[in-house]
Amino acid sequence: MKPEQDDYTRYRIEKAEEAYEVAVLLIANQKWNAAINRLYYAVYYAVSGLLAKSEIETKTHAGVKTQFLLHFVKTGRIEMRLGKLYSDLFDWRQKGDYGDFFDFEEEEVVPLLEPTRALINAILKEVGKGA
């Protein structure tokens, strides 16, 4: 891996942790749509770092999702349920950010905290393996 890829991976993991922390604060303040956005970005940043470490290039959010599912979920390196969570967060973030007259509710958002943390942790484990 090139040094700049290592720096990029580290940067993206830091951004993932920050976005997750902000999601926790938003949930505590009952900002459900914004929390979904931050949960999605927490995972997106972590996945982006993992793909960079694996020298897999992408240009779009959809490309990140596709490459992650192909190289890590379908191969069994990341659990299928966690891959589905990423896909769901991808869709929900779009709905929450761009859907008119749509608001998430507490009972939909709060249960996503633990699985999102589990997905980030699984990605951290893969990054630590040298992906």
Protein backbone atom coordinates (compact mmCIF):
# COMPACT_ATOMS: atom_id res chain seq x y z
CA MET A 1 0.00 0.00 0.00
CA LYS A 2 1.17 3.49 -0.84
CA PRO A 3 1.75 5.87 2.10
CA GLU A 4 -1.01 8.20 0.91
CA GLN A 5 -3.49 5.29 0.90
CA ASP A 6 -2.54 4.51 4.49
CA ASP A 7 -3.08 8.17 5.43
CA TYR A 8 -6.40 8.21 3.60
CA THR A 9 -7.54 5.03 5.38
CA ARG A 10 -6.61 6.47 8.77
CA TYR A 11 -8.37 9.75 7.93
CA ARG A 12 -11.55 7.97 6.84
CA ILE A 13 -11.62 5.83 9.99
CA GLU A 14 -11.28 8.99 12.10
CA LYS A 15 -14.16 10.56 10.14
CA ALA A 16 -16.23 7.39 10.71
CA GLU A 17 -15.70 7.58 14.46
CA GLU A 18 -16.57 11.28 14.51
CA ALA A 19 -19.75 10.76 12.48
CA TYR A 20 -20.80 7.95 14.82
CA GLU A 21 -20.24 10.15 17.87
CA VAL A 22 -22.34 12.91 16.28
CA ALA A 23 -25.11 10.37 15.54
CA VAL A 24 -25.18 9.47 19.23
CA LEU A 25 -25.57 13.16 20.12
CA LEU A 26 -28.31 13.63 17.54
CA ILE A 27 -30.19 10.63 18.89
CA ALA A 28 -29.90 12.02 22.41
CA ASN A 29 -31.49 15.21 21.05
CA GLN A 30 -34.19 13.37 19.07
CA LYS A 31 -32.98 14.53 15.64
CA TRP A 32 -33.90 11.31 13.89
CA ASN A 33 -33.31 12.16 10.20
CA ALA A 34 -30.00 13.82 10.96
CA ALA A 35 -29.00 10.79 13.05
CA ILE A 36 -29.71 8.46 10.11
CA ASN A 37 -27.54 10.71 7.94
CA ARG A 38 -24.63 10.52 10.40
CA LEU A 39 -25.02 6.75 10.90
CA TYR A 40 -24.84 6.31 7.14
CA TYR A 41 -21.79 8.53 6.85
CA ALA A 42 -20.08 6.77 9.75
CA VAL A 43 -20.32 3.51 7.82
CA TYR A 44 -19.57 5.14 4.46
CA TYR A 45 -16.34 6.66 5.76
CA ALA A 46 -15.26 3.36 7.32
CA VAL A 47 -16.03 1.43 4.14
CA SER A 48 -14.19 4.04 2.05
CA GLY A 49 -11.14 3.59 4.26
CA LEU A 50 -11.33 -0.18 3.93
CA LEU A 51 -11.61 -0.01 0.15
CA ALA A 52 -8.65 2.37 -0.02
CA LYS A 53 -6.58 0.02 2.12
CA SER A 54 -7.57 -2.78 -0.26
CA GLU A 55 -6.63 -0.61 -3.26
CA ILE A 56 -10.18 -0.71 -4.62
CA GLU A 57 -11.05 2.58 -6.31
CA THR A 58 -14.55 4.03 -6.45
CA LYS A 59 -16.02 7.32 -7.58
CA THR A 60 -19.55 7.38 -6.17
CA HIS A 61 -21.47 6.38 -3.07
CA ALA A 62 -23.17 3.65 -5.09
CA GLY A 63 -19.75 2.45 -6.25
CA VAL A 64 -18.52 2.26 -2.65
CA LYS A 65 -21.56 0.20 -1.73
CA THR A 66 -21.20 -2.12 -4.72
CA GLN A 67 -17.49 -2.75 -4.19
CA PHE A 68 -17.93 -3.31 -0.46
CA LEU A 69 -20.71 -5.84 -1.01
CA LEU A 70 -18.74 -7.59 -3.76
CA HIS A 71 -15.35 -7.81 -2.04
CA PHE A 72 -16.26 -8.08 1.62
CA VAL A 73 -19.86 -9.20 2.13
CA LYS A 74 -20.26 -11.74 -0.67
CA THR A 75 -16.88 -13.24 0.23
CA GLY A 76 -17.95 -13.67 3.87
CA ARG A 77 -15.33 -11.33 5.30
CA ILE A 78 -18.15 -9.13 6.63
CA GLU A 79 -21.40 -10.67 7.84
CA MET A 80 -24.34 -10.53 5.46
CA ARG A 81 -26.56 -8.84 8.10
CA LEU A 82 -24.00 -6.02 8.37
CA GLY A 83 -23.81 -5.67 4.60
CA LYS A 84 -27.59 -5.38 4.53
CA LEU A 85 -27.41 -2.71 7.23
CA TYR A 86 -25.08 -0.66 5.03
CA SER A 87 -27.44 -1.02 2.07
CA ASP A 88 -30.39 -0.02 4.25
CA LEU A 89 -28.57 3.01 5.68
CA PHE A 90 -27.68 4.02 2.11
CA ASP A 91 -31.37 3.99 1.15
CA TRP A 92 -32.63 5.52 4.40
CA ARG A 93 -30.14 8.38 4.23
CA GLN A 94 -31.49 9.27 0.78
CA LYS A 95 -35.06 9.05 2.05
CA GLY A 96 -34.36 11.13 5.17
CA ASP A 97 -32.34 13.78 3.34
CA TYR A 98 -34.41 14.14 0.20
CA GLY A 99 -37.86 12.71 0.92
CA ASP A 100 -40.48 15.40 1.36
CA PHE A 101 -42.67 15.14 4.44
CA PHE A 102 -40.78 12.12 5.72
CA ASP A 103 -39.43 11.78 9.23
CA PHE A 104 -37.87 8.82 10.97
CA GLU A 105 -39.09 7.93 14.44
CA GLU A 106 -37.22 7.02 17.61
CA GLU A 107 -38.16 3.34 17.41
CA GLU A 108 -36.63 3.13 13.93
CA VAL A 109 -33.39 4.94 14.72
CA VAL A 110 -32.29 3.95 18.22
CA PRO A 111 -32.04 0.21 17.41
CA LEU A 112 -29.55 1.04 14.62
CA LEU A 113 -26.83 2.26 17.00
CA GLU A 114 -25.51 -1.14 18.09
CA PRO A 115 -25.50 -2.78 14.64
CA THR A 116 -23.82 0.30 13.14
CA ARG A 117 -21.13 0.10 15.82
CA ALA A 118 -20.76 -3.62 15.05
CA LEU A 119 -20.29 -2.87 11.36
CA ILE A 120 -17.67 -0.21 12.05
CA ASN A 121 -15.88 -2.62 14.38
CA ALA A 122 -15.93 -5.36 11.73
CA ILE A 123 -14.43 -2.91 9.24
CA LEU A 124 -11.76 -1.90 11.76
CA LYS A 125 -10.89 -5.56 12.17
CA GLU A 126 -10.52 -5.96 8.40
CA VAL A 127 -8.38 -2.82 8.18
CA GLY A 128 -6.19 -4.20 10.96
CA LYS A 129 -5.73 -7.45 9.04
CA GLY A 130 -4.22 -5.50 6.19
CA ALA A 131 -7.38 -6.00 4.10
